[in-house]
Every structure is written in C-alpha cells, then in structure tokens.
C-alpha cells in the first residue's frame, strides 16, 4: 500500500509548509493534503522497486506535487483572469477627510489578517461560521470540477490506458 505512515506524515508536513507560503492560507491545509494524496495515488502505478525504495518514490512524487501546486497558485496570482480586478498597493485611494493616500497605508491590520488568512476568530464567530456552513452544505451540489491534481491524474490514466 502506497499510503504508508511515512507518506501520511510527509504529506501532513508538506501541507503545513505550503500553507505558510504567500498565496495560501491555513484553511487550505486540508485541500492541499487531499491534493497531495490524490497525486500520490495516481502515480502509485509507476513505482518500480528495482529503481528505488518506496519511501524515495513517495518523497519524489510528493515533492513534485508540491512544486505543481505552488506553480499553479503562482500562475493564478500572476494572471488572475479577465474578471479579476487587480490593483497595486502603491495606487492612491481617496480619503473622506484628507488627501489621497496609498492603498498600502489604508489597509487595516484586521483587513490584512483577514485577506491573508491569519486572522483568529472568536468562539462566537467560529460557532456562527460552523452553523452557517452546516446549514448551507446540504444544499450544495456535488463537486463536478476536479482539482488540478485530479485532472492530471485522469489525463495520465487515459494516456496509459491500452487502446481498445
């Protein structure tokens, strides 16, 4: 079995490292772990014990998946799409009671923490959030768009499938 204790520990450690990077937040950790597991499971068919140990294979596959996740997130950050509004923090923003100031000076610490995912919620806020999620979750449709690692996995499986 490819999901050994070593693999689970490595994936957990790598996910914790990734979510500390810019562009990720702590709330992404479970998704990152899942993407790393999916990638590892998709690549399991390529393991050859004659070429190296299972732990070496796991390390290489997980490192490769980490690099792809970071690269994909950076790509989206550099080119967010047509509908995204991107502004420089050096741009000047209006002030209701004074001259314009740079957007960097206008962003409050709370807003910065909220945007970067480092803000801590009070117990009451956490309860409200959990309640809201629990009430909305049953009404959501099943996920129909696979994550990038799952799309790669399906494409890889299709490429290696024998012709009929």
Protein backbone atom coordinates (compact mmCIF):
# COMPACT_ATOMS: atom_id res chain seq x y z
CA UNK A 1 0.00 0.00 0.00
CA UNK A 2 1.37 3.40 -1.02
CA UNK A 3 -0.27 5.41 1.80
CA UNK A 4 2.17 4.30 4.46
CA UNK A 5 2.67 6.09 7.77
CA UNK A 6 5.73 7.74 6.18
CA UNK A 7 3.58 9.04 3.30
CA UNK A 8 0.89 10.40 5.62
CA UNK A 9 3.46 12.16 7.81
CA UNK A 10 5.32 13.60 4.81
CA UNK A 11 2.09 14.87 3.26
CA UNK A 12 0.98 16.46 6.53
CA UNK A 13 4.38 18.19 6.97
CA UNK A 14 4.50 19.40 3.35
CA UNK A 15 0.92 20.73 3.55
CA UNK A 16 1.81 22.70 6.69
CA UNK A 17 4.83 24.16 4.88
CA UNK A 18 2.82 25.10 1.80
CA UNK A 19 0.05 26.91 3.67
CA UNK A 20 2.64 29.22 5.23
CA UNK A 21 3.60 30.48 1.78
CA UNK A 22 2.13 33.64 0.26
CA UNK A 23 -0.98 32.88 -1.77
CA UNK A 24 -2.10 30.11 0.57
CA UNK A 25 -3.91 30.26 3.90
CA UNK A 26 -4.17 27.91 6.84
CA UNK A 27 -7.65 26.99 5.72
CA UNK A 28 -6.10 25.46 2.57
CA UNK A 29 -4.26 22.77 4.53
CA UNK A 30 -6.88 20.01 4.23
CA UNK A 31 -7.29 20.70 0.49
CA UNK A 32 -3.52 20.63 -0.04
CA UNK A 33 -3.24 17.34 1.86
CA UNK A 34 -6.02 15.87 -0.26
CA UNK A 35 -4.40 17.04 -3.50
CA UNK A 36 -1.06 15.51 -2.44
CA UNK A 37 -2.73 12.20 -1.56
CA UNK A 38 -4.59 12.11 -4.89
CA UNK A 39 -1.37 12.82 -6.79
CA UNK A 40 0.47 10.09 -4.89
CA UNK A 41 -2.30 7.56 -5.52
CA UNK A 42 -2.35 8.45 -9.22
CA UNK A 43 1.40 7.96 -9.51
CA UNK A 44 1.48 4.70 -7.49
CA UNK A 45 1.27 2.63 -10.68
CA UNK A 46 4.72 3.95 -11.67
CA UNK A 47 6.52 2.62 -8.59
CA UNK A 48 9.29 0.18 -9.52
CA UNK A 49 11.09 -1.42 -6.55
CA UNK A 50 14.09 -2.14 -8.79
CA UNK A 51 14.66 1.61 -9.22
CA UNK A 52 14.49 2.62 -5.56
CA UNK A 53 12.78 2.30 -2.22
CA UNK A 54 9.13 3.06 -1.64
CA UNK A 55 9.97 5.98 0.65
CA UNK A 56 12.21 7.54 -2.01
CA UNK A 57 9.43 7.18 -4.57
CA UNK A 58 6.92 8.74 -2.17
CA UNK A 59 9.27 11.66 -1.45
CA UNK A 60 9.84 12.37 -5.14
CA UNK A 61 6.16 12.16 -6.04
CA UNK A 62 5.07 14.38 -3.13
CA UNK A 63 7.83 16.92 -3.87
CA UNK A 64 6.71 17.02 -7.49
CA UNK A 65 3.07 17.57 -6.45
CA UNK A 66 4.12 20.36 -4.07
CA UNK A 67 6.02 22.09 -6.87
CA UNK A 68 2.97 21.83 -9.17
CA UNK A 69 0.60 23.23 -6.52
CA UNK A 70 2.88 26.18 -5.81
CA UNK A 71 3.45 26.80 -9.52
CA UNK A 72 -0.29 26.65 -10.26
CA UNK A 73 -1.07 29.07 -7.42
CA UNK A 74 1.66 31.48 -8.58
CA UNK A 75 0.33 31.30 -12.15
CA UNK A 76 -3.17 32.24 -10.98
CA UNK A 77 -1.70 35.01 -8.86
CA UNK A 78 0.24 36.47 -11.82
CA UNK A 79 -2.66 36.09 -14.28
CA UNK A 80 -5.91 36.04 -12.29
CA UNK A 81 -8.20 36.14 -15.33
CA UNK A 82 -10.34 38.64 -17.17
CA UNK A 83 -12.93 39.19 -14.45
CA UNK A 84 -10.44 39.94 -11.64
CA UNK A 85 -9.66 43.48 -10.63
CA UNK A 86 -6.01 43.86 -9.70
CA UNK A 87 -4.71 46.99 -8.06
CA UNK A 88 -1.28 47.96 -6.86
CA UNK A 89 -0.90 48.85 -3.21
CA UNK A 90 1.04 51.88 -4.46
CA UNK A 91 -2.14 53.28 -6.08
CA UNK A 92 -3.66 56.24 -4.33
CA UNK A 93 -7.02 55.84 -2.62
CA UNK A 94 -9.48 58.58 -1.65
CA UNK A 95 -9.77 59.68 1.97
CA UNK A 96 -13.07 61.12 3.23
CA UNK A 97 -11.32 63.68 5.41
CA UNK A 98 -8.00 64.41 3.75
CA UNK A 99 -5.70 63.98 0.78
CA UNK A 100 -5.47 60.62 -1.02
CA UNK A 101 -3.12 58.01 0.47
CA UNK A 102 -1.55 54.86 -0.90
CA UNK A 103 -3.73 51.76 -0.61
CA UNK A 104 -0.96 50.11 1.43
CA UNK A 105 -1.47 52.71 4.17
CA UNK A 106 -5.27 52.39 4.02
CA UNK A 107 -5.43 48.63 4.62
CA UNK A 108 -6.08 47.99 8.27
CA UNK A 109 -4.33 45.26 10.22
CA UNK A 110 -7.65 43.41 10.58
CA UNK A 111 -8.24 43.53 6.83
CA UNK A 112 -4.70 42.35 6.15
CA UNK A 113 -5.13 39.42 8.57
CA UNK A 114 -8.49 38.56 7.01
CA UNK A 115 -7.09 38.61 3.47
CA UNK A 116 -4.01 36.54 4.33
CA UNK A 117 -5.94 34.03 6.42
CA UNK A 118 -4.06 34.82 9.61
CA UNK A 119 -6.96 36.41 11.49
CA UNK A 120 -8.18 34.47 14.51
CA UNK A 121 -11.90 34.23 15.13
CA UNK A 122 -13.62 34.49 18.48
CA UNK A 123 -15.52 31.47 19.80
CA UNK A 124 -18.79 33.17 18.90
CA UNK A 125 -17.60 33.83 15.33
CA UNK A 126 -16.41 30.23 14.98
CA UNK A 127 -19.79 28.97 16.22
CA UNK A 128 -21.64 31.23 13.77
CA UNK A 129 -19.38 30.12 10.93
CA UNK A 130 -19.83 26.42 11.74
CA UNK A 131 -23.58 26.91 11.97
CA UNK A 132 -23.71 28.74 8.63
CA UNK A 133 -21.59 26.10 6.89
CA UNK A 134 -23.70 23.27 8.35
CA UNK A 135 -26.90 24.90 7.10
CA UNK A 136 -25.61 25.58 3.58
CA UNK A 137 -23.56 22.44 2.96
CA UNK A 138 -26.51 20.07 2.31
CA UNK A 139 -27.86 22.37 -0.40
CA UNK A 140 -24.61 22.45 -2.40
CA UNK A 141 -24.30 20.28 -5.50
CA UNK A 142 -21.66 17.58 -5.61
CA UNK A 143 -18.31 18.77 -6.92
CA UNK A 144 -18.27 18.41 -10.67
CA UNK A 145 -14.98 20.14 -11.48
CA UNK A 146 -11.99 18.12 -10.28
CA UNK A 147 -9.00 19.86 -8.75
CA UNK A 148 -5.87 20.25 -10.94
CA UNK A 149 -4.14 17.15 -9.49
CA UNK A 150 -7.26 15.06 -10.15
CA UNK A 151 -7.45 16.34 -13.76
CA UNK A 152 -3.78 15.44 -14.23
CA UNK A 153 -4.43 12.02 -12.74
CA UNK A 154 -7.31 11.35 -15.11
CA UNK A 155 -5.27 12.57 -18.08
CA UNK A 156 -2.34 10.36 -17.03
CA UNK A 157 -4.60 7.32 -16.67
CA UNK A 158 -6.14 7.95 -20.10
CA UNK A 159 -2.69 8.25 -21.68
CA UNK A 160 -1.54 4.96 -20.17
CA UNK A 161 -4.76 3.05 -20.91
CA UNK A 162 -4.28 0.42 -23.63
CA UNK A 163 -6.10 1.13 -26.89
CA UNK A 164 -9.28 -0.90 -27.40
